[in-house]
């Protein structure tokens, strides 16, 4: 008689379980902490005032009265949910309006709105690509990109983060694979905060006949004169075939969008399983997103883009002066330096990152911890991020906490990586 293997065994044998248990026992688990109010520069979290340096609310619009009013009006008009997919009964006029506005903002023929950003990548890549195709992805690409590639069953050829020589080698190898070729990169990488060298990538794609898709999740509503993302900021919009963005960062809501040629978007509307077989975004989320889009496209939006980047430069410089190993700014080919709202501090060791996080948290500053596999082995980091609505007083208070935490941490645990 054959003894079957319990499919739940992996849940009990997962390699991270012992680490999680130990962190809980030490009161140092950096995940699943409970907010007790809106995600603003200063939050209430688990009974204490804390400076929020761990949110993707880049423009600070989650607390904006106009965005909340957009959500409320949609809620009152359409109810709490639509109880069906966009394909059937779940499309309302706000979805159509939002898609038109986003396509116009991106400067593309059309756009399609998904319920989440993860589904946008899953739905685009899993539908456009097939087993006969090759997709070339940066090793730093978001997990949703890799999930979409897996769904498509296309051949994956990955290259080391931002290594253009290796991208070219993958393109050369892909020519012999026989199918279509798609290169997929993040515009701004969510952990490192650096910007993809899109002009070089676009040039290589053109040379080898590959299509290019850019995930603008952390660049949309931040970079470029219009706030249209890294593709705009680096002047390659006309050479990018598909662009993706999420609503859960600068747009203060939840959802995702794919923007591109009209025929490709229409194909996704009738063939993308994550679009067809998922309930559509709830009215409040769509109403809030539409209101945020309109703020971003006004003169006020341009002021917010400038302010969040100014705050990022200030925090980056402050952490660097304190001796932390801050991920360097992106230096473009012409010598220009780009900073993004993501300002990571490299710690290296997983446990050191967790203990430093705890010291900051206990002192009233919340940041995110990224450990392997979210980052390379021995590449643990504290991911800080700023909002346009952070003021200098709050950032100075946070830097003072970082300074004290560093001195106390190093006295007990030894030196942290020195600044770059």
Protein backbone atom coordinates (compact mmCIF):
# COMPACT_ATOMS: atom_id res chain seq x y z
CA UNK A 1 0.00 0.00 0.00
CA UNK A 2 1.40 3.39 -1.01
CA UNK A 3 1.52 6.05 1.69
CA UNK A 4 0.39 9.38 0.31
CA UNK A 5 2.32 12.55 1.03
CA UNK A 6 0.42 15.18 2.99
CA UNK A 7 0.20 18.29 0.83
CA UNK A 8 0.05 20.35 4.04
CA UNK A 9 3.50 19.12 5.11
CA UNK A 10 5.20 22.11 3.50
CA UNK A 11 3.19 24.41 5.75
CA UNK A 12 4.79 22.78 8.79
CA UNK A 13 8.27 22.41 7.34
CA UNK A 14 8.69 25.86 5.76
CA UNK A 15 12.27 27.00 6.32
CA UNK A 16 11.24 30.42 7.64
CA UNK A 17 8.97 29.09 10.43
CA UNK A 18 11.71 28.84 13.04
CA UNK A 19 12.82 32.39 12.25
CA UNK A 20 9.28 33.69 12.54
CA UNK A 21 8.76 31.90 15.83
CA UNK A 22 12.00 33.27 17.28
CA UNK A 23 11.18 36.81 16.13
CA UNK A 24 7.74 36.62 17.74
CA UNK A 25 9.21 35.38 21.02
CA UNK A 26 11.65 38.32 21.00
CA UNK A 27 8.91 40.80 20.17
CA UNK A 28 10.80 41.63 16.99
CA UNK A 29 8.51 40.43 14.20
CA UNK A 30 8.46 43.35 11.72
CA UNK A 31 5.33 42.27 9.86
CA UNK A 32 1.54 42.45 10.31
CA UNK A 33 1.50 45.44 12.65
CA UNK A 34 -1.91 47.03 12.96
CA UNK A 35 -2.72 50.57 11.89
CA UNK A 36 -5.42 52.37 13.87
CA UNK A 37 -6.03 55.25 11.48
CA UNK A 38 -5.15 56.59 8.01
CA UNK A 39 -1.68 56.20 6.51
CA UNK A 40 -0.43 59.75 6.97
CA UNK A 41 3.10 61.03 7.76
CA UNK A 42 2.32 60.36 11.42
CA UNK A 43 0.12 57.38 12.25
CA UNK A 44 -1.44 55.61 15.21
CA UNK A 45 -0.15 52.06 15.26
CA UNK A 46 -0.73 49.63 18.10
CA UNK A 47 -1.49 52.32 20.62
CA UNK A 48 1.40 54.64 19.88
CA UNK A 49 2.20 57.64 17.68
CA UNK A 50 4.76 56.66 15.03
CA UNK A 51 6.36 58.45 12.09
CA UNK A 52 5.38 56.53 8.96
CA UNK A 53 8.38 55.89 6.73
CA UNK A 54 7.03 52.64 5.34
CA UNK A 55 4.12 53.59 3.09
CA UNK A 56 3.77 53.84 -0.69
CA UNK A 57 1.37 56.77 -0.22
CA UNK A 58 3.89 58.86 -2.16
CA UNK A 59 1.74 61.95 -2.73
CA UNK A 60 -0.06 61.73 0.62
CA UNK A 61 -3.45 61.59 -1.09
CA UNK A 62 -5.05 58.87 1.08
CA UNK A 63 -6.01 61.64 3.50
CA UNK A 64 -7.06 64.17 0.85
CA UNK A 65 -10.68 65.27 1.29
CA UNK A 66 -11.30 65.28 -2.48
CA UNK A 67 -10.11 61.70 -2.83
CA UNK A 68 -12.25 60.61 0.11
CA UNK A 69 -15.21 62.46 -1.39
CA UNK A 70 -14.67 60.65 -4.70
CA UNK A 71 -14.83 57.35 -2.84
CA UNK A 72 -17.90 58.41 -0.86
CA UNK A 73 -19.86 59.60 -3.89
CA UNK A 74 -19.14 56.35 -5.74
CA UNK A 75 -20.10 54.33 -2.66
CA UNK A 76 -23.39 56.19 -2.27
CA UNK A 77 -24.25 55.93 -5.96
CA UNK A 78 -23.24 52.31 -6.70
CA UNK A 79 -23.15 50.61 -3.31
CA UNK A 80 -20.38 48.63 -1.65
CA UNK A 81 -19.59 46.21 -4.47
CA UNK A 82 -20.46 45.25 -8.03
CA UNK A 83 -20.77 41.47 -7.47
CA UNK A 84 -19.43 40.52 -10.85
CA UNK A 85 -16.53 40.83 -13.25
CA UNK A 86 -15.94 43.66 -15.68
CA UNK A 87 -16.71 41.16 -18.45
CA UNK A 88 -20.30 40.71 -17.23
CA UNK A 89 -22.19 43.03 -14.88
CA UNK A 90 -19.25 44.72 -13.14
CA UNK A 91 -18.49 47.68 -15.42
CA UNK A 92 -19.74 51.14 -14.41
CA UNK A 93 -19.22 54.49 -16.07
CA UNK A 94 -16.44 55.32 -13.59
CA UNK A 95 -14.36 52.40 -14.92
CA UNK A 96 -14.74 53.72 -18.46
CA UNK A 97 -13.92 57.30 -17.41
CA UNK A 98 -10.87 56.12 -15.51
CA UNK A 99 -9.56 54.10 -18.46
CA UNK A 100 -9.93 57.09 -20.78
CA UNK A 101 -8.16 59.42 -18.35
CA UNK A 102 -5.31 56.98 -17.75
CA UNK A 103 -4.78 56.37 -21.47
CA UNK A 104 -4.67 60.13 -22.02
CA UNK A 105 -2.23 60.59 -19.11
CA UNK A 106 0.06 57.86 -20.40
CA UNK A 107 -0.33 59.08 -23.99
CA UNK A 108 -1.43 55.64 -25.25
CA UNK A 109 -4.30 54.48 -27.44
CA UNK A 110 -6.19 52.75 -24.66
CA UNK A 111 -6.00 51.38 -21.13
CA UNK A 112 -7.62 48.55 -19.18
CA UNK A 113 -8.26 48.67 -15.43
CA UNK A 114 -7.78 45.58 -13.26
CA UNK A 115 -8.90 45.03 -9.67
CA UNK A 116 -5.31 44.93 -8.34
CA UNK A 117 -1.86 45.73 -9.64
CA UNK A 118 -0.82 42.09 -9.24
CA UNK A 119 -3.69 41.05 -11.51
CA UNK A 120 -2.69 43.66 -14.08
CA UNK A 121 0.73 42.06 -14.54
CA UNK A 122 -0.69 38.57 -14.26
CA UNK A 123 -3.44 39.34 -16.75
CA UNK A 124 -1.23 41.03 -19.31
CA UNK A 125 1.75 38.67 -19.30
CA UNK A 126 -0.30 35.50 -18.85
CA UNK A 127 -2.45 36.42 -21.87
CA UNK A 128 -0.06 38.06 -24.33
CA UNK A 129 2.72 35.50 -23.91
CA UNK A 130 2.50 31.81 -24.79
CA UNK A 131 4.71 28.70 -24.53
CA UNK A 132 6.27 29.53 -27.90
CA UNK A 133 7.48 32.96 -26.71
CA UNK A 134 10.50 34.17 -24.74
CA UNK A 135 10.31 36.74 -21.98
CA UNK A 136 13.45 38.46 -20.69
CA UNK A 137 13.16 39.85 -17.16
CA UNK A 138 15.42 41.74 -14.78
CA UNK A 139 16.23 39.73 -11.64
CA UNK A 140 14.83 42.60 -9.58
CA UNK A 141 11.40 42.54 -11.26
CA UNK A 142 8.34 42.46 -9.03
CA UNK A 143 6.92 39.08 -8.02
CA UNK A 144 3.72 39.75 -9.98
CA UNK A 145 5.77 39.89 -13.19
CA UNK A 146 7.28 36.49 -12.46
CA UNK A 147 3.83 35.11 -11.62
CA UNK A 148 2.49 36.34 -14.96
CA UNK A 149 5.40 34.70 -16.78
CA UNK A 150 4.72 31.41 -14.98
CA UNK A 151 1.05 31.60 -15.97
CA UNK A 152 2.01 32.14 -19.61
CA UNK A 153 4.43 29.17 -19.69
CA UNK A 154 6.73 31.29 -21.88
CA UNK A 155 10.46 30.64 -21.79
CA UNK A 156 12.09 32.87 -19.16
CA UNK A 157 15.58 34.26 -19.67
CA UNK A 158 16.52 36.41 -16.66
CA UNK A 159 19.45 38.80 -16.42
CA UNK A 160 21.21 40.24 -13.39
CA UNK A 161 19.76 43.50 -12.15
CA UNK A 162 20.37 46.39 -14.57
CA UNK A 163 23.22 44.57 -16.38
CA UNK A 164 22.87 45.69 -19.98
CA UNK A 165 25.63 43.37 -21.21
CA UNK A 166 23.68 40.40 -19.87
CA UNK A 167 20.42 41.71 -21.30
CA UNK A 168 22.04 41.78 -24.72
CA UNK A 169 23.25 38.20 -24.31
CA UNK A 170 19.73 37.09 -23.38
CA UNK A 171 18.34 38.88 -26.44
CA UNK A 172 20.89 37.15 -28.65
CA UNK A 173 19.95 33.77 -27.17
CA UNK A 174 16.24 34.50 -27.53
CA UNK A 175 16.59 35.03 -31.28
CA UNK A 176 17.12 31.29 -31.62
CA UNK A 177 14.05 30.41 -29.53
CA UNK A 178 11.72 30.96 -32.46
CA UNK A 179 8.85 32.88 -30.87
CA UNK A 180 8.09 36.45 -29.94
CA UNK A 181 10.37 38.26 -27.51
CA UNK A 182 9.22 40.53 -24.70
CA UNK A 183 11.51 42.38 -22.29
CA UNK A 184 9.85 43.29 -18.97
CA UNK A 185 11.42 45.64 -16.40
CA UNK A 186 10.34 47.80 -13.50
CA UNK A 187 10.63 51.54 -14.09
CA UNK A 188 11.54 52.01 -10.43
CA UNK A 189 12.50 48.93 -8.44
CA UNK A 190 10.38 48.55 -5.34
CA UNK A 191 13.11 47.41 -2.94
CA UNK A 192 16.23 49.22 -4.17
CA UNK A 193 14.42 52.37 -5.32
CA UNK A 194 16.69 52.65 -8.36
CA UNK A 195 15.57 53.48 -11.89
CA UNK A 196 15.93 51.14 -14.85
CA UNK A 197 18.25 52.40 -17.65
CA UNK A 198 15.33 52.57 -20.06
CA UNK A 199 17.08 54.35 -22.97
CA UNK A 200 19.67 51.56 -23.15
CA UNK A 201 17.01 48.88 -22.73
CA UNK A 202 14.81 50.41 -25.44
CA UNK A 203 17.78 50.65 -27.80
CA UNK A 204 18.60 46.96 -27.30
CA UNK A 205 14.97 45.96 -27.78
CA UNK A 206 14.85 47.89 -31.04
CA UNK A 207 18.07 46.32 -32.23
CA UNK A 208 16.85 42.76 -31.60
CA UNK A 209 13.19 43.19 -32.53
CA UNK A 210 11.83 42.69 -29.01
CA UNK A 211 8.80 44.33 -27.47
CA UNK A 212 9.24 46.28 -24.22
CA UNK A 213 6.92 46.42 -21.20
CA UNK A 214 7.62 48.71 -18.22
CA UNK A 215 6.05 48.29 -14.78
CA UNK A 216 5.61 51.91 -13.64
CA UNK A 217 4.05 51.03 -10.26
CA UNK A 218 6.58 53.01 -8.18
CA UNK A 219 7.22 55.69 -10.82
CA UNK A 220 3.68 56.64 -11.87
CA UNK A 221 2.61 59.85 -10.16
CA UNK A 222 6.23 60.51 -9.19
CA UNK A 223 8.64 60.80 -12.12
CA UNK A 224 8.36 62.91 -15.25
CA UNK A 225 6.93 66.37 -15.86
CA UNK A 226 3.43 64.86 -16.22
CA UNK A 227 4.09 62.27 -13.52
CA UNK A 228 3.65 59.57 -16.16
CA UNK A 229 6.59 57.51 -14.87
CA UNK A 230 10.12 56.51 -15.67
CA UNK A 231 9.38 56.12 -19.38
CA UNK A 232 8.41 59.77 -19.55
CA UNK A 233 11.24 60.96 -17.30
CA UNK A 234 13.83 59.17 -19.47
CA UNK A 235 12.28 60.18 -22.78
CA UNK A 236 11.40 56.73 -24.14
CA UNK A 237 7.59 56.72 -24.10
CA UNK A 238 7.45 56.24 -27.86
CA UNK A 239 9.68 53.14 -27.58
CA UNK A 240 7.79 51.38 -24.77
CA UNK A 241 5.05 49.07 -26.03
CA UNK A 242 3.13 48.40 -22.81
CA UNK A 243 3.05 50.22 -19.49
CA UNK A 244 1.62 49.03 -16.23
CA UNK A 245 0.80 51.03 -13.09
CA UNK A 246 -0.94 50.50 -9.79
CA UNK A 247 -3.41 52.65 -7.87
CA UNK A 248 -2.08 51.69 -4.43
CA UNK A 249 0.89 54.07 -4.46
CA UNK A 250 0.53 57.66 -5.67
CA UNK A 251 -3.15 57.20 -6.52
CA UNK A 252 -4.14 56.40 -2.93
CA UNK A 253 -6.48 53.51 -3.71
CA UNK A 254 -6.31 49.93 -5.01
CA UNK A 255 -6.20 48.56 -8.56
CA UNK A 256 -3.99 48.36 -11.61
CA UNK A 257 -3.84 49.39 -15.26
CA UNK A 258 -2.24 48.26 -18.50
CA UNK A 259 -1.87 50.99 -21.12
CA UNK A 260 -0.84 50.49 -24.73
CA UNK A 261 -2.06 49.91 -28.31
CA UNK A 262 -5.83 49.68 -28.75
CA UNK A 263 -5.76 46.21 -30.31
CA UNK A 264 -3.66 44.76 -27.50
CA UNK A 265 -5.88 46.29 -24.82
CA UNK A 266 -9.01 45.01 -26.56
CA UNK A 267 -7.45 41.53 -26.71
CA UNK A 268 -6.90 41.67 -22.95
CA UNK A 269 -10.52 42.68 -22.39
CA UNK A 270 -11.82 39.53 -24.04
CA UNK A 271 -9.05 37.02 -23.29
CA UNK A 272 -7.37 37.85 -19.97
CA UNK A 273 -8.48 35.33 -17.35
CA UNK A 274 -7.47 37.47 -14.33
CA UNK A 275 -9.65 40.23 -15.83
CA UNK A 276 -12.62 38.10 -16.85
CA UNK A 277 -12.81 35.85 -13.80
CA UNK A 278 -12.29 38.43 -11.01
CA UNK A 279 -14.88 40.74 -9.50
CA UNK A 280 -14.29 44.29 -10.64
CA UNK A 281 -12.81 46.97 -8.42
CA UNK A 282 -15.33 48.23 -5.86
CA UNK A 283 -16.92 51.61 -6.64
CA UNK A 284 -15.25 53.42 -3.73
CA UNK A 285 -11.80 52.37 -4.98
CA UNK A 286 -12.52 53.51 -8.53
CA UNK A 287 -14.04 56.80 -7.37
CA UNK A 288 -11.03 57.53 -5.17
CA UNK A 289 -8.61 56.66 -7.98
CA UNK A 290 -10.37 58.93 -10.46
CA UNK A 291 -10.25 61.83 -8.01
CA UNK A 292 -6.53 61.22 -7.37
CA UNK A 293 -5.80 61.07 -11.11
CA UNK A 294 -7.42 64.47 -11.60
CA UNK A 295 -5.35 66.00 -8.80
CA UNK A 296 -2.18 64.52 -10.29
CA UNK A 297 -2.99 65.98 -13.70
CA UNK A 298 -3.48 69.48 -12.32
CA UNK A 299 -0.87 72.10 -11.43
CA UNK A 300 -1.13 70.86 -7.86
CA UNK A 301 -0.02 67.43 -9.02
CA UNK A 302 3.22 68.79 -10.41
CA UNK A 303 3.87 70.49 -7.08
CA UNK A 304 3.32 67.19 -5.27
CA UNK A 305 5.71 65.35 -7.63
CA UNK A 306 8.40 67.93 -6.87
CA UNK A 307 7.76 67.82 -3.12
CA UNK A 308 8.00 64.04 -2.75
CA UNK A 309 11.30 63.99 -4.64
CA UNK A 310 12.61 66.89 -2.55
CA UNK A 311 11.72 64.96 0.61
CA UNK A 312 13.44 61.87 -0.79
CA UNK A 313 16.65 63.83 -1.43
CA UNK A 314 16.49 65.25 2.10
CA UNK A 315 16.03 61.85 3.77
CA UNK A 316 18.70 60.25 1.55
CA UNK A 317 21.23 62.96 2.44
CA UNK A 318 20.35 62.80 6.14
CA UNK A 319 20.76 59.03 6.40
CA UNK A 320 23.99 59.20 4.44
CA UNK A 321 25.39 61.86 6.78
CA UNK A 322 24.57 59.62 9.76
CA UNK A 323 26.80 56.93 8.27
CA UNK A 324 24.14 54.50 7.07
CA UNK A 325 24.76 52.52 3.89
CA UNK A 326 22.09 54.10 1.72
CA UNK A 327 21.47 52.65 -1.74
CA UNK A 328 23.08 55.19 -4.14
CA UNK A 329 21.01 57.44 -6.35
CA UNK A 330 20.57 56.37 -9.96
CA UNK A 331 23.16 58.06 -12.17
CA UNK A 332 22.10 58.44 -15.80
CA UNK A 333 24.43 58.29 -18.79
CA UNK A 334 24.57 62.11 -18.97
CA UNK A 335 25.59 62.32 -15.29
CA UNK A 336 22.16 63.34 -14.01
CA UNK A 337 21.23 61.78 -10.67
CA UNK A 338 17.69 60.55 -10.08
CA UNK A 339 16.22 59.98 -6.65
CA UNK A 340 12.91 58.21 -5.96
CA UNK A 341 10.66 58.09 -2.88
CA UNK A 342 12.16 54.71 -1.95
CA UNK A 343 15.29 55.24 0.18
CA UNK A 344 16.69 51.86 1.32
CA UNK A 345 19.30 51.38 4.07
CA UNK A 346 21.45 48.27 3.53
CA UNK A 347 22.02 46.23 6.70
CA UNK A 348 23.15 42.89 5.25
CA UNK A 349 22.35 40.33 7.94
CA UNK A 350 18.67 39.37 8.34
CA UNK A 351 18.70 39.43 12.15
CA UNK A 352 20.57 42.73 12.32
CA UNK A 353 17.90 44.23 10.05
CA UNK A 354 15.14 42.90 12.30
CA UNK A 355 16.77 44.19 15.50
CA UNK A 356 17.44 47.61 13.98
CA UNK A 357 13.83 47.72 12.82
CA UNK A 358 12.67 46.96 16.38
CA UNK A 359 14.84 49.74 17.81
CA UNK A 360 13.29 52.22 15.39
CA UNK A 361 9.77 50.92 15.95
CA UNK A 362 10.06 51.11 19.73
CA UNK A 363 11.33 54.69 19.36
CA UNK A 364 8.37 55.68 17.20
CA UNK A 365 9.46 55.25 13.56
CA UNK A 366 7.95 52.62 11.27
CA UNK A 367 9.96 51.33 8.31
CA UNK A 368 9.80 48.14 6.25
CA UNK A 369 12.21 45.21 6.49
CA UNK A 370 13.21 43.29 3.36
CA UNK A 371 15.04 39.99 3.75
CA UNK A 372 15.82 37.13 1.37
CA UNK A 373 14.11 36.19 -0.98
CA UNK A 374 12.73 39.75 -1.39
CA UNK A 375 16.38 40.83 -1.68
CA UNK A 376 19.54 38.83 -2.50
CA UNK A 377 21.10 36.67 0.27
CA UNK A 378 22.98 38.81 2.83
CA UNK A 379 21.31 41.87 1.31
CA UNK A 380 18.76 42.61 4.02
CA UNK A 381 17.68 46.22 4.12
CA UNK A 382 15.36 48.67 5.78
CA UNK A 383 13.12 50.14 3.11
CA UNK A 384 12.18 53.69 3.97
CA UNK A 385 9.87 55.77 1.82
CA UNK A 386 8.61 59.33 1.95
CA UNK A 387 5.43 61.20 1.12
CA UNK A 388 4.97 64.65 -0.37
CA UNK A 389 3.16 65.54 2.86
CA UNK A 390 6.10 64.85 5.18
CA UNK A 391 7.39 68.13 6.58
CA UNK A 392 10.98 68.91 7.56
CA UNK A 393 10.19 68.80 11.28
CA UNK A 394 8.88 65.23 10.99
CA UNK A 395 11.80 64.08 8.83
CA UNK A 396 14.29 65.67 11.24
CA UNK A 397 12.62 63.86 14.14
CA UNK A 398 12.88 60.59 12.25
CA UNK A 399 16.56 61.19 11.47
CA UNK A 400 17.24 61.86 15.14
CA UNK A 401 15.65 58.51 15.99
CA UNK A 402 17.81 56.80 13.34
CA UNK A 403 20.90 58.43 14.85
CA UNK A 404 20.14 57.22 18.40
CA UNK A 405 19.10 53.76 17.20
CA UNK A 406 22.33 53.35 15.23
CA UNK A 407 24.57 54.28 18.17
CA UNK A 408 22.69 52.06 20.61
CA UNK A 409 22.45 49.18 18.13
CA UNK A 410 26.17 49.23 17.30
CA UNK A 411 27.10 49.34 21.00
CA UNK A 412 25.18 46.08 21.52
CA UNK A 413 25.37 44.24 18.19
CA UNK A 414 28.47 45.54 16.45
CA UNK A 415 28.91 47.83 13.44
CA UNK A 416 26.40 48.24 10.66
CA UNK A 417 27.61 48.49 7.05
CA UNK A 418 29.26 51.86 6.53
CA UNK A 419 27.94 54.43 4.10
CA UNK A 420 28.67 53.95 0.43
